[in-house]
Structure formats: C-alpha cells, structure tokens
Amino acid sequence: MNHFQDEFDAEYNRQRILNEVKQIRLEQLALKSRPYKPGRFERTMFNFANWMISTGKQLRKRYEVPSVNCNQSPKRYAH
C-alpha cells in the first residue's frame, strides 16, 4: 500500500472538514447579526394572539360576575 497517499488523503479530508466547520460557524454568526424580520406566519400568529387577548378581556368584562364589596355593611330595607 502507498502510505504516503493515505496520509495525503486523510490530511486533505481533515482540511476539507475544517473548512466546512468554519463556513458553518460564519453562516451562524451572520444569521445572529441579521435583524429579526418575522414572516407572514409569525405576523399572522402575533395578530391572532393579540385579537384573542383583546376579545377575551372584552368577554370577561361582559360576562364576569361583579364582585361584592364585603367591607360595607349590608343595607337594610324598610318594609
């Protein structure tokens, strides 16, 4: 066997893998520095969540049983 060729191939593959790892790290760094721009789905879900919250507050206000103030003495009605 040609050991020189095997060592050359191994070194070539190691260098190729290191270059790929470096490229992936650069891509990840670039993605982190990019400003966040939500897509259509994210915007739709955000608006839907806001609508559900506002509707829920309105429904709760409309159908909630009013609370009773227990600090005041009950009024007595004259018959």
C-alpha atoms as a PDB file:
ATOM      1  CA  MET A   1       0.000   0.000   0.000  1.00  0.00           C
ATOM      2  CA  ASN A   2       1.031   3.542  -0.555  1.00  0.00           C
ATOM      3  CA  HIS A   3       1.073   5.082   2.937  1.00  0.00           C
ATOM      4  CA  PHE A   4       2.019   8.482   1.580  1.00  0.00           C
ATOM      5  CA  GLN A   5      -1.200   8.624  -0.470  1.00  0.00           C
ATOM      6  CA  ASP A   6      -3.292   7.523   2.533  1.00  0.00           C
ATOM      7  CA  GLU A   7      -1.768  10.251   4.712  1.00  0.00           C
ATOM      8  CA  PHE A   8      -2.272  12.808   1.960  1.00  0.00           C
ATOM      9  CA  ASP A   9      -5.938  11.812   1.558  1.00  0.00           C
ATOM     10  CA  ALA A  10      -6.502  11.930   5.328  1.00  0.00           C
ATOM     11  CA  GLU A  11      -4.937  15.401   5.575  1.00  0.00           C
ATOM     12  CA  TYR A  12      -6.976  16.600   2.607  1.00  0.00           C
ATOM     13  CA  ASN A  13     -10.210  15.326   4.166  1.00  0.00           C
ATOM     14  CA  ARG A  14      -9.326  16.851   7.542  1.00  0.00           C
ATOM     15  CA  GLN A  15      -8.706  20.230   5.920  1.00  0.00           C
ATOM     16  CA  ARG A  16     -11.961  19.992   3.948  1.00  0.00           C
ATOM     17  CA  ILE A  17     -13.922  19.216   7.131  1.00  0.00           C
ATOM     18  CA  LEU A  18     -12.278  22.127   8.985  1.00  0.00           C
ATOM     19  CA  ASN A  19     -13.196  24.471   6.127  1.00  0.00           C
ATOM     20  CA  GLU A  20     -16.812  23.268   6.235  1.00  0.00           C
ATOM     21  CA  VAL A  21     -16.976  23.810  10.004  1.00  0.00           C
ATOM     22  CA  LYS A  22     -15.546  27.305   9.573  1.00  0.00           C
ATOM     23  CA  GLN A  23     -18.136  28.068   6.886  1.00  0.00           C
ATOM     24  CA  ILE A  24     -20.987  26.829   9.087  1.00  0.00           C
ATOM     25  CA  ARG A  25     -19.783  28.979  12.004  1.00  0.00           C
ATOM     26  CA  LEU A  26     -19.612  32.043   9.748  1.00  0.00           C
ATOM     27  CA  GLU A  27     -23.149  31.381   8.483  1.00  0.00           C
ATOM     28  CA  GLN A  28     -24.443  31.029  12.048  1.00  0.00           C
ATOM     29  CA  LEU A  29     -22.727  34.271  13.056  1.00  0.00           C
ATOM     30  CA  ALA A  30     -24.249  36.054  10.066  1.00  0.00           C
ATOM     31  CA  LEU A  31     -27.715  34.769  10.955  1.00  0.00           C
ATOM     32  CA  LYS A  32     -27.369  36.021  14.543  1.00  0.00           C
ATOM     33  CA  SER A  33     -26.432  39.526  13.409  1.00  0.00           C
ATOM     34  CA  ARG A  34     -29.336  39.770  10.967  1.00  0.00           C
ATOM     35  CA  PRO A  35     -32.267  41.855  12.254  1.00  0.00           C
ATOM     36  CA  TYR A  36     -35.378  39.820  13.031  1.00  0.00           C
ATOM     37  CA  LYS A  37     -37.978  40.110  10.309  1.00  0.00           C
ATOM     38  CA  PRO A  38     -40.981  37.906  11.028  1.00  0.00           C
ATOM     39  CA  GLY A  39     -42.537  36.141   8.102  1.00  0.00           C
ATOM     40  CA  ARG A  40     -46.194  36.038   7.171  1.00  0.00           C
ATOM     41  CA  PHE A  41     -46.954  33.143   9.525  1.00  0.00           C
ATOM     42  CA  GLU A  42     -45.294  34.842  12.517  1.00  0.00           C
ATOM     43  CA  ARG A  43     -47.120  38.125  11.858  1.00  0.00           C
ATOM     44  CA  THR A  44     -50.436  36.317  11.451  1.00  0.00           C
ATOM     45  CA  MET A  45     -49.998  34.371  14.684  1.00  0.00           C
ATOM     46  CA  PHE A  46     -48.955  37.534  16.560  1.00  0.00           C
ATOM     47  CA  ASN A  47     -52.037  39.406  15.339  1.00  0.00           C
ATOM     48  CA  PHE A  48     -54.242  36.399  16.099  1.00  0.00           C
ATOM     49  CA  ALA A  49     -52.864  36.201  19.650  1.00  0.00           C
ATOM     50  CA  ASN A  50     -53.489  39.911  20.177  1.00  0.00           C
ATOM     51  CA  TRP A  51     -57.048  39.505  18.876  1.00  0.00           C
ATOM     52  CA  MET A  52     -57.678  36.566  21.218  1.00  0.00           C
ATOM     53  CA  ILE A  53     -56.370  38.555  24.195  1.00  0.00           C
ATOM     54  CA  SER A  54     -58.494  41.616  23.432  1.00  0.00           C
ATOM     55  CA  THR A  55     -61.594  39.511  22.763  1.00  0.00           C
ATOM     56  CA  GLY A  56     -61.043  37.545  25.948  1.00  0.00           C
ATOM     57  CA  LYS A  57     -60.807  40.734  28.007  1.00  0.00           C
ATOM     58  CA  GLN A  58     -63.993  42.074  26.479  1.00  0.00           C
ATOM     59  CA  LEU A  59     -65.839  38.801  27.047  1.00  0.00           C
ATOM     60  CA  ARG A  60     -64.608  38.570  30.613  1.00  0.00           C
ATOM     61  CA  LYS A  61     -65.692  42.142  31.304  1.00  0.00           C
ATOM     62  CA  ARG A  62     -69.100  41.482  29.752  1.00  0.00           C
ATOM     63  CA  TYR A  63     -69.904  38.144  31.408  1.00  0.00           C
ATOM     64  CA  GLU A  64     -67.938  38.246  34.651  1.00  0.00           C
ATOM     65  CA  VAL A  65     -69.988  38.193  37.856  1.00  0.00           C
ATOM     66  CA  PRO A  66     -69.480  41.530  39.624  1.00  0.00           C
ATOM     67  CA  SER A  67     -67.511  41.315  42.846  1.00  0.00           C
ATOM     68  CA  VAL A  68     -69.130  42.228  46.129  1.00  0.00           C
ATOM     69  CA  ASN A  69     -67.510  44.693  48.491  1.00  0.00           C
ATOM     70  CA  CYS A  70     -67.525  42.903  51.854  1.00  0.00           C
ATOM     71  CA  ASN A  71     -66.238  45.890  53.827  1.00  0.00           C
ATOM     72  CA  GLN A  72     -69.556  47.726  53.762  1.00  0.00           C
ATOM     73  CA  SER A  73     -72.381  46.683  55.999  1.00  0.00           C
ATOM     74  CA  PRO A  74     -75.465  45.420  54.162  1.00  0.00           C
ATOM     75  CA  LYS A  75     -78.224  47.965  53.635  1.00  0.00           C
ATOM     76  CA  ARG A  76     -81.464  47.241  55.386  1.00  0.00           C
ATOM     77  CA  TYR A  77     -84.632  47.813  53.508  1.00  0.00           C
ATOM     78  CA  ALA A  78     -87.633  49.231  55.317  1.00  0.00           C
ATOM     79  CA  HIS A  79     -90.842  47.352  54.783  1.00  0.00           C
END
